[in-house]
Amino acid sequence: MTWKLKQFHELSKEMMYQILKKRVDVFVVEQECPYPEIDGIDDECLHLWNEEDGDIKAYCRLVPPQKKGEYYAIGRVFVIEECRGTGLARELMNRAIGILNNDLEVDGIQLHGQEHLRYFYQSFGFKEITDVYIEDGIPHVDMVMKSRN
């Protein structure tokens, strides 16, 4: 298994297609949640994934702040079904956090997580900043991790 980190312009058409297909497979089809998966900001993001034999096993994108006062965000986090429970999600999050803290030297990291994963994200140091709310029919919570004082 190999880890890759690329900016949008470094992605081949084939790789971007595979990323989008996997995201739709997980977030739209598997979770039965019709929502606008292609949101127009992929070209601003760093894309981090793990692949084996050219097939994506885990993925997230690192999203620059979209509004004044926001932090970089970790978003579209997924591990394909057959790799869940293997520690790959923890490795993905550790890598994403490491890139943001060490390479980009951010002041904080935010995420918009599904509520059932709140304790997983808390294990990295994220703290809830909203109550649970429903978005696209799924309970979510916003979380932040401060990186520097």
N, C-alpha and C. Protein backbone atom coordinates (compact mmCIF):
# COMPACT_ATOMS: atom_id res chain seq x y z
N MET A 1 0.83 -1.18 0.00
CA MET A 1 0.00 0.00 0.00
C MET A 1 0.88 1.25 0.00
N THR A 2 0.47 2.23 -0.77
CA THR A 2 1.23 3.46 -0.95
C THR A 2 0.37 4.67 -0.62
N TRP A 3 0.98 5.64 0.06
CA TRP A 3 0.30 6.91 0.34
C TRP A 3 0.68 7.93 -0.72
N LYS A 4 -0.32 8.71 -1.14
CA LYS A 4 -0.10 9.75 -2.15
C LYS A 4 -0.73 11.05 -1.66
N LEU A 5 -0.08 12.15 -1.98
CA LEU A 5 -0.60 13.48 -1.68
C LEU A 5 -0.38 14.33 -2.92
N LYS A 6 -1.47 14.87 -3.46
CA LYS A 6 -1.35 15.66 -4.69
C LYS A 6 -2.29 16.85 -4.67
N GLN A 7 -1.87 17.89 -5.34
CA GLN A 7 -2.75 19.02 -5.61
C GLN A 7 -3.62 18.63 -6.80
N PHE A 8 -4.72 19.32 -6.95
CA PHE A 8 -5.68 19.02 -8.01
C PHE A 8 -5.01 18.97 -9.40
N HIS A 9 -4.19 19.98 -9.69
CA HIS A 9 -3.58 20.04 -11.03
C HIS A 9 -2.58 18.90 -11.29
N GLU A 10 -2.18 18.21 -10.24
CA GLU A 10 -1.27 17.07 -10.41
C GLU A 10 -2.00 15.77 -10.66
N LEU A 11 -3.31 15.77 -10.48
CA LEU A 11 -4.09 14.55 -10.66
C LEU A 11 -4.40 14.30 -12.13
N SER A 12 -4.24 13.07 -12.56
CA SER A 12 -4.66 12.72 -13.91
C SER A 12 -6.18 12.70 -13.96
N LYS A 13 -6.73 12.77 -15.15
CA LYS A 13 -8.18 12.67 -15.31
C LYS A 13 -8.67 11.35 -14.73
N GLU A 14 -7.92 10.29 -14.98
CA GLU A 14 -8.30 8.96 -14.50
C GLU A 14 -8.33 8.90 -12.97
N MET A 15 -7.32 9.50 -12.34
CA MET A 15 -7.27 9.47 -10.88
C MET A 15 -8.39 10.33 -10.29
N MET A 16 -8.65 11.50 -10.84
CA MET A 16 -9.74 12.32 -10.33
C MET A 16 -11.07 11.61 -10.51
N TYR A 17 -11.24 10.93 -11.62
CA TYR A 17 -12.47 10.16 -11.85
C TYR A 17 -12.60 9.07 -10.78
N GLN A 18 -11.50 8.36 -10.48
CA GLN A 18 -11.56 7.30 -9.48
C GLN A 18 -11.88 7.87 -8.10
N ILE A 19 -11.28 9.00 -7.75
CA ILE A 19 -11.57 9.66 -6.47
C ILE A 19 -13.05 10.00 -6.37
N LEU A 20 -13.57 10.66 -7.40
CA LEU A 20 -14.98 11.06 -7.38
C LEU A 20 -15.91 9.86 -7.34
N LYS A 21 -15.57 8.82 -8.09
CA LYS A 21 -16.41 7.62 -8.09
C LYS A 21 -16.44 6.98 -6.71
N LYS A 22 -15.28 6.86 -6.07
CA LYS A 22 -15.22 6.26 -4.72
C LYS A 22 -16.00 7.12 -3.73
N ARG A 23 -15.88 8.43 -3.81
CA ARG A 23 -16.62 9.30 -2.90
C ARG A 23 -18.12 9.13 -3.10
N VAL A 24 -18.56 9.08 -4.34
CA VAL A 24 -19.98 8.88 -4.61
C VAL A 24 -20.42 7.50 -4.12
N ASP A 25 -19.59 6.48 -4.35
CA ASP A 25 -19.93 5.13 -3.88
C ASP A 25 -20.16 5.10 -2.38
N VAL A 26 -19.32 5.79 -1.62
CA VAL A 26 -19.43 5.77 -0.16
C VAL A 26 -20.51 6.73 0.33
N PHE A 27 -20.41 8.00 -0.05
CA PHE A 27 -21.26 9.02 0.56
C PHE A 27 -22.66 9.10 -0.03
N VAL A 28 -22.82 8.77 -1.29
CA VAL A 28 -24.14 8.87 -1.92
C VAL A 28 -24.83 7.51 -1.98
N VAL A 29 -24.14 6.50 -2.52
CA VAL A 29 -24.77 5.19 -2.71
C VAL A 29 -24.84 4.41 -1.40
N GLU A 30 -23.69 4.14 -0.78
CA GLU A 30 -23.68 3.32 0.45
C GLU A 30 -24.50 3.96 1.56
N GLN A 31 -24.36 5.27 1.74
CA GLN A 31 -25.08 5.94 2.81
C GLN A 31 -26.48 6.40 2.39
N GLU A 32 -26.83 6.09 1.16
CA GLU A 32 -28.16 6.44 0.63
C GLU A 32 -28.49 7.90 0.90
N CYS A 33 -27.56 8.77 0.50
CA CYS A 33 -27.69 10.19 0.79
C CYS A 33 -27.44 11.02 -0.47
N PRO A 34 -28.51 11.36 -1.18
CA PRO A 34 -28.31 12.20 -2.36
C PRO A 34 -27.95 13.63 -1.96
N TYR A 35 -26.76 14.05 -2.32
CA TYR A 35 -26.31 15.41 -2.03
C TYR A 35 -25.30 15.79 -3.10
N PRO A 36 -24.97 17.08 -3.23
CA PRO A 36 -24.04 17.52 -4.28
C PRO A 36 -22.59 17.19 -3.94
N GLU A 37 -22.17 15.98 -4.25
CA GLU A 37 -20.81 15.50 -3.94
C GLU A 37 -19.75 16.37 -4.63
N ILE A 38 -19.98 16.74 -5.84
CA ILE A 38 -19.03 17.59 -6.56
C ILE A 38 -19.40 19.03 -6.23
N ASP A 39 -18.62 19.64 -5.33
CA ASP A 39 -18.99 20.92 -4.74
C ASP A 39 -18.20 22.12 -5.25
N GLY A 40 -17.33 21.90 -6.23
CA GLY A 40 -16.62 23.02 -6.83
C GLY A 40 -15.37 23.49 -6.10
N ILE A 41 -14.92 22.76 -5.08
CA ILE A 41 -13.70 23.20 -4.39
C ILE A 41 -12.55 22.19 -4.47
N ASP A 42 -12.74 21.09 -5.16
CA ASP A 42 -11.66 20.10 -5.28
C ASP A 42 -10.38 20.71 -5.85
N ASP A 43 -10.53 21.70 -6.72
CA ASP A 43 -9.34 22.30 -7.33
C ASP A 43 -8.52 23.13 -6.35
N GLU A 44 -9.08 23.46 -5.18
CA GLU A 44 -8.37 24.22 -4.15
C GLU A 44 -7.71 23.31 -3.12
N CYS A 45 -8.04 22.03 -3.14
CA CYS A 45 -7.68 21.11 -2.06
C CYS A 45 -6.42 20.31 -2.36
N LEU A 46 -5.83 19.81 -1.28
CA LEU A 46 -4.83 18.76 -1.38
C LEU A 46 -5.58 17.44 -1.22
N HIS A 47 -5.21 16.44 -1.99
CA HIS A 47 -5.88 15.15 -1.96
C HIS A 47 -4.90 14.11 -1.43
N LEU A 48 -5.30 13.42 -0.38
CA LEU A 48 -4.47 12.42 0.28
C LEU A 48 -5.18 11.08 0.20
N TRP A 49 -4.46 10.07 -0.28
CA TRP A 49 -5.09 8.75 -0.34
C TRP A 49 -4.06 7.64 -0.23
N ASN A 50 -4.61 6.47 0.07
CA ASN A 50 -3.83 5.25 0.13
C ASN A 50 -4.33 4.35 -0.99
N GLU A 51 -3.39 3.79 -1.73
CA GLU A 51 -3.80 2.91 -2.82
C GLU A 51 -2.99 1.63 -2.82
N GLU A 52 -3.61 0.61 -3.37
CA GLU A 52 -2.96 -0.68 -3.54
C GLU A 52 -3.29 -1.14 -4.95
N ASP A 53 -2.27 -1.43 -5.72
CA ASP A 53 -2.44 -1.84 -7.12
C ASP A 53 -3.33 -0.86 -7.89
N GLY A 54 -3.13 0.44 -7.63
CA GLY A 54 -3.86 1.48 -8.34
C GLY A 54 -5.28 1.71 -7.86
N ASP A 55 -5.71 1.00 -6.82
CA ASP A 55 -7.07 1.13 -6.31
C ASP A 55 -7.06 1.88 -4.98
N ILE A 56 -7.88 2.93 -4.86
CA ILE A 56 -7.94 3.73 -3.65
C ILE A 56 -8.61 2.93 -2.53
N LYS A 57 -7.93 2.90 -1.37
CA LYS A 57 -8.45 2.20 -0.20
C LYS A 57 -8.95 3.18 0.87
N ALA A 58 -8.31 4.35 0.97
CA ALA A 58 -8.69 5.37 1.94
C ALA A 58 -8.38 6.73 1.32
N TYR A 59 -9.15 7.75 1.72
CA TYR A 59 -9.01 9.05 1.08
C TYR A 59 -9.52 10.15 2.01
N CYS A 60 -8.93 11.33 1.87
CA CYS A 60 -9.51 12.56 2.42
C CYS A 60 -8.95 13.72 1.61
N ARG A 61 -9.60 14.84 1.76
CA ARG A 61 -9.06 16.04 1.14
C ARG A 61 -8.82 17.08 2.22
N LEU A 62 -7.80 17.89 2.01
CA LEU A 62 -7.42 18.95 2.93
C LEU A 62 -7.87 20.25 2.29
N VAL A 63 -8.84 20.88 2.91
CA VAL A 63 -9.55 22.01 2.32
C VAL A 63 -9.06 23.31 2.95
N PRO A 64 -8.55 24.25 2.14
CA PRO A 64 -8.13 25.53 2.70
C PRO A 64 -9.34 26.30 3.25
N PRO A 65 -9.11 27.24 4.16
CA PRO A 65 -10.22 28.00 4.72
C PRO A 65 -11.08 28.61 3.61
N GLN A 66 -12.39 28.48 3.76
CA GLN A 66 -13.33 28.99 2.77
C GLN A 66 -13.85 30.38 3.14
N LYS A 67 -13.74 30.73 4.43
CA LYS A 67 -14.19 32.03 4.92
C LYS A 67 -13.18 32.56 5.92
N LYS A 68 -13.18 33.86 6.08
CA LYS A 68 -12.31 34.49 7.07
C LYS A 68 -12.61 33.91 8.46
N GLY A 69 -11.56 33.59 9.20
CA GLY A 69 -11.73 33.06 10.54
C GLY A 69 -11.83 31.54 10.61
N GLU A 70 -11.88 30.89 9.46
CA GLU A 70 -11.94 29.43 9.45
C GLU A 70 -10.52 28.85 9.39
N TYR A 71 -10.44 27.57 9.71
CA TYR A 71 -9.18 26.84 9.62
C TYR A 71 -9.20 25.94 8.39
N TYR A 72 -8.05 25.36 8.08
CA TYR A 72 -8.03 24.26 7.12
C TYR A 72 -8.96 23.18 7.65
N ALA A 73 -9.56 22.43 6.74
CA ALA A 73 -10.47 21.36 7.14
C ALA A 73 -10.02 20.03 6.54
N ILE A 74 -10.32 18.98 7.26
CA ILE A 74 -10.18 17.63 6.72
C ILE A 74 -11.58 17.19 6.33
N GLY A 75 -11.75 16.82 5.07
CA GLY A 75 -13.08 16.48 4.61
C GLY A 75 -13.09 15.28 3.69
N ARG A 76 -14.31 14.81 3.41
CA ARG A 76 -14.56 13.67 2.52
C ARG A 76 -13.72 12.46 2.93
N VAL A 77 -13.63 12.23 4.23
CA VAL A 77 -12.84 11.13 4.78
C VAL A 77 -13.57 9.81 4.56
N PHE A 78 -12.89 8.86 3.93
CA PHE A 78 -13.49 7.53 3.81
C PHE A 78 -12.43 6.45 3.74
N VAL A 79 -12.84 5.26 4.15
CA VAL A 79 -12.10 4.02 3.97
C VAL A 79 -13.09 3.07 3.32
N ILE A 80 -12.68 2.39 2.25
CA ILE A 80 -13.61 1.48 1.59
C ILE A 80 -14.01 0.36 2.55
N GLU A 81 -15.19 -0.16 2.34
CA GLU A 81 -15.81 -1.09 3.29
C GLU A 81 -14.90 -2.25 3.70
N GLU A 82 -14.25 -2.88 2.72
CA GLU A 82 -13.45 -4.07 3.06
C GLU A 82 -12.18 -3.75 3.85
N CYS A 83 -11.82 -2.45 3.97
CA CYS A 83 -10.64 -2.07 4.74
C CYS A 83 -10.97 -1.45 6.08
N ARG A 84 -12.25 -1.33 6.40
CA ARG A 84 -12.63 -0.75 7.68
C ARG A 84 -12.27 -1.70 8.81
N GLY A 85 -11.87 -1.11 9.93
CA GLY A 85 -11.49 -1.91 11.09
C GLY A 85 -10.05 -2.39 11.05
N THR A 86 -9.27 -1.91 10.08
CA THR A 86 -7.87 -2.35 9.94
C THR A 86 -6.87 -1.34 10.48
N GLY A 87 -7.35 -0.17 10.93
CA GLY A 87 -6.45 0.89 11.38
C GLY A 87 -6.12 1.88 10.29
N LEU A 88 -6.62 1.64 9.09
CA LEU A 88 -6.32 2.53 7.96
C LEU A 88 -6.91 3.93 8.17
N ALA A 89 -8.09 4.04 8.76
CA ALA A 89 -8.69 5.34 9.03
C ALA A 89 -7.83 6.14 10.00
N ARG A 90 -7.32 5.48 11.03
CA ARG A 90 -6.46 6.16 12.00
C ARG A 90 -5.17 6.63 11.33
N GLU A 91 -4.60 5.79 10.48
CA GLU A 91 -3.38 6.18 9.77
C GLU A 91 -3.66 7.36 8.82
N LEU A 92 -4.79 7.34 8.14
CA LEU A 92 -5.18 8.43 7.25
C LEU A 92 -5.29 9.74 8.03
N MET A 93 -6.00 9.71 9.16
CA MET A 93 -6.16 10.92 9.96
C MET A 93 -4.83 11.41 10.51
N ASN A 94 -3.99 10.50 10.99
CA ASN A 94 -2.67 10.91 11.50
C ASN A 94 -1.85 11.58 10.41
N ARG A 95 -1.90 11.04 9.20
CA ARG A 95 -1.16 11.64 8.09
C ARG A 95 -1.72 13.01 7.74
N ALA A 96 -3.03 13.12 7.66
CA ALA A 96 -3.66 14.41 7.32
C ALA A 96 -3.32 15.47 8.37
N ILE A 97 -3.46 15.12 9.63
CA ILE A 97 -3.14 16.05 10.71
C ILE A 97 -1.66 16.43 10.66
N GLY A 98 -0.80 15.46 10.42
CA GLY A 98 0.64 15.73 10.32
C GLY A 98 0.98 16.68 9.19
N ILE A 99 0.37 16.50 8.04
CA ILE A 99 0.61 17.39 6.91
C ILE A 99 0.18 18.81 7.26
N LEU A 100 -1.00 18.94 7.84
CA LEU A 100 -1.51 20.27 8.17
C LEU A 100 -0.67 20.94 9.26
N ASN A 101 -0.33 20.20 10.30
CA ASN A 101 0.45 20.79 11.40
C ASN A 101 1.91 21.02 11.06
N ASN A 102 2.54 20.05 10.43
CA ASN A 102 3.98 20.11 10.21
C ASN A 102 4.38 20.77 8.90
N ASP A 103 3.68 20.48 7.83
CA ASP A 103 4.05 21.03 6.52
C ASP A 103 3.41 22.39 6.28
N LEU A 104 2.14 22.52 6.59
CA LEU A 104 1.43 23.78 6.35
C LEU A 104 1.41 24.70 7.57
N GLU A 105 1.79 24.15 8.74
CA GLU A 105 1.88 24.91 9.99
C GLU A 105 0.62 25.72 10.27
N VAL A 106 -0.52 25.03 10.24
CA VAL A 106 -1.81 25.69 10.47
C VAL A 106 -2.01 25.98 11.96
N ASP A 107 -2.90 26.92 12.27
CA ASP A 107 -3.22 27.26 13.65
C ASP A 107 -4.26 26.32 14.24
N GLY A 108 -5.05 25.71 13.38
CA GLY A 108 -6.09 24.80 13.82
C GLY A 108 -6.64 24.03 12.64
N ILE A 109 -7.39 22.99 12.96
CA ILE A 109 -7.99 22.14 11.92
C ILE A 109 -9.45 21.95 12.29
N GLN A 110 -10.31 22.04 11.30
CA GLN A 110 -11.73 21.81 11.56
C GLN A 110 -12.22 20.63 10.73
N LEU A 111 -13.32 20.08 11.16
CA LEU A 111 -13.98 19.06 10.35
C LEU A 111 -15.47 19.07 10.64
N HIS A 112 -16.17 18.58 9.68
CA HIS A 112 -17.62 18.52 9.67
C HIS A 112 -17.92 17.02 9.62
N GLY A 113 -18.03 16.40 10.79
CA GLY A 113 -18.07 14.94 10.83
C GLY A 113 -19.45 14.37 11.09
N GLN A 114 -19.62 13.15 10.65
CA GLN A 114 -20.84 12.44 10.98
C GLN A 114 -20.82 12.11 12.46
N GLU A 115 -21.96 12.30 13.10
CA GLU A 115 -22.06 12.18 14.55
C GLU A 115 -21.58 10.84 15.08
N HIS A 116 -21.81 9.76 14.37
CA HIS A 116 -21.39 8.45 14.89
C HIS A 116 -19.87 8.29 14.94
N LEU A 117 -19.14 9.22 14.32
CA LEU A 117 -17.67 9.18 14.34
C LEU A 117 -17.06 10.20 15.30
N ARG A 118 -17.89 10.86 16.09
CA ARG A 118 -17.39 11.94 16.96
C ARG A 118 -16.32 11.45 17.93
N TYR A 119 -16.47 10.25 18.49
CA TYR A 119 -15.47 9.76 19.45
C TYR A 119 -14.17 9.37 18.75
N PHE A 120 -14.28 8.89 17.54
CA PHE A 120 -13.08 8.62 16.74
C PHE A 120 -12.30 9.91 16.55
N TYR A 121 -12.98 10.98 16.13
CA TYR A 121 -12.30 12.27 15.91
C TYR A 121 -11.81 12.87 17.23
N GLN A 122 -12.56 12.67 18.31
CA GLN A 122 -12.11 13.17 19.61
C GLN A 122 -10.80 12.51 20.03
N SER A 123 -10.58 11.27 19.60
CA SER A 123 -9.35 10.56 19.98
C SER A 123 -8.10 11.21 19.40
N PHE A 124 -8.26 12.09 18.41
CA PHE A 124 -7.13 12.83 17.84
C PHE A 124 -6.98 14.21 18.48
N GLY A 125 -7.94 14.59 19.30
CA GLY A 125 -7.89 15.90 19.94
C GLY A 125 -8.93 16.90 19.44
N PHE A 126 -9.81 16.47 18.54
CA PHE A 126 -10.87 17.36 18.07
C PHE A 126 -11.90 17.54 19.18
N LYS A 127 -12.43 18.76 19.26
CA LYS A 127 -13.47 19.09 20.23
C LYS A 127 -14.70 19.59 19.49
N GLU A 128 -15.85 19.21 19.99
CA GLU A 128 -17.11 19.62 19.36
C GLU A 128 -17.33 21.11 19.58
N ILE A 129 -17.76 21.79 18.51
CA ILE A 129 -18.07 23.21 18.63
C ILE A 129 -19.53 23.51 18.28
N THR A 130 -20.28 22.47 17.91
CA THR A 130 -21.71 22.63 17.67
C THR A 130 -22.44 21.46 18.33
N ASP A 131 -23.71 21.64 18.49
CA ASP A 131 -24.56 20.52 18.86
C ASP A 131 -24.73 19.66 17.62
N VAL A 132 -25.23 18.48 17.79
CA VAL A 132 -25.51 17.60 16.66
C VAL A 132 -26.66 18.22 15.86
N TYR A 133 -26.51 18.21 14.55
CA TYR A 133 -27.55 18.74 13.65
C TYR A 133 -27.68 17.80 12.47
N ILE A 134 -28.79 17.90 11.79
CA ILE A 134 -29.06 17.03 10.64
C ILE A 134 -28.69 17.77 9.36
N GLU A 135 -27.87 17.12 8.55
CA GLU A 135 -27.55 17.64 7.22
C GLU A 135 -27.71 16.50 6.23
N ASP A 136 -28.50 16.74 5.20
CA ASP A 136 -28.77 15.72 4.19
C ASP A 136 -29.27 14.42 4.82
N GLY A 137 -30.03 14.55 5.90
CA GLY A 137 -30.63 13.38 6.55
C GLY A 137 -29.70 12.62 7.48
N ILE A 138 -28.48 13.12 7.70
CA ILE A 138 -27.49 12.42 8.53
C ILE A 138 -27.06 13.34 9.67
N PRO A 139 -27.04 12.84 10.92
CA PRO A 139 -26.57 13.66 12.04
C PRO A 139 -25.08 13.99 11.89
N HIS A 140 -24.75 15.26 12.05
CA HIS A 140 -23.38 15.76 11.95
C HIS A 140 -23.03 16.59 13.18
N VAL A 141 -21.75 16.82 13.36
CA VAL A 141 -21.25 17.72 14.40
C VAL A 141 -19.98 18.38 13.86
N ASP A 142 -19.82 19.67 14.13
CA ASP A 142 -18.61 20.38 13.73
C ASP A 142 -17.60 20.29 14.86
N MET A 143 -16.33 20.08 14.49
CA MET A 143 -15.28 19.89 15.48
C MET A 143 -14.04 20.68 15.07
N VAL A 144 -13.25 21.05 16.07
CA VAL A 144 -12.01 21.81 15.83
C VAL A 144 -10.91 21.25 16.73
N MET A 145 -9.69 21.30 16.17
CA MET A 145 -8.49 20.98 16.94
C MET A 145 -7.57 22.18 16.79
N LYS A 146 -7.22 22.81 17.90
CA LYS A 146 -6.28 23.93 17.86
C LYS A 146 -4.86 23.34 17.79
N SER A 147 -4.06 23.89 16.88
CA SER A 147 -2.71 23.38 16.69
C SER A 147 -1.68 24.20 17.45
N ARG A 148 -1.93 25.49 17.53
CA ARG A 148 -0.97 26.38 18.18
C ARG A 148 -1.74 27.33 19.10
N ASN A 149 -1.03 27.89 20.07
CA ASN A 149 -1.66 28.89 20.96
C ASN A 149 -1.45 30.28 20.44
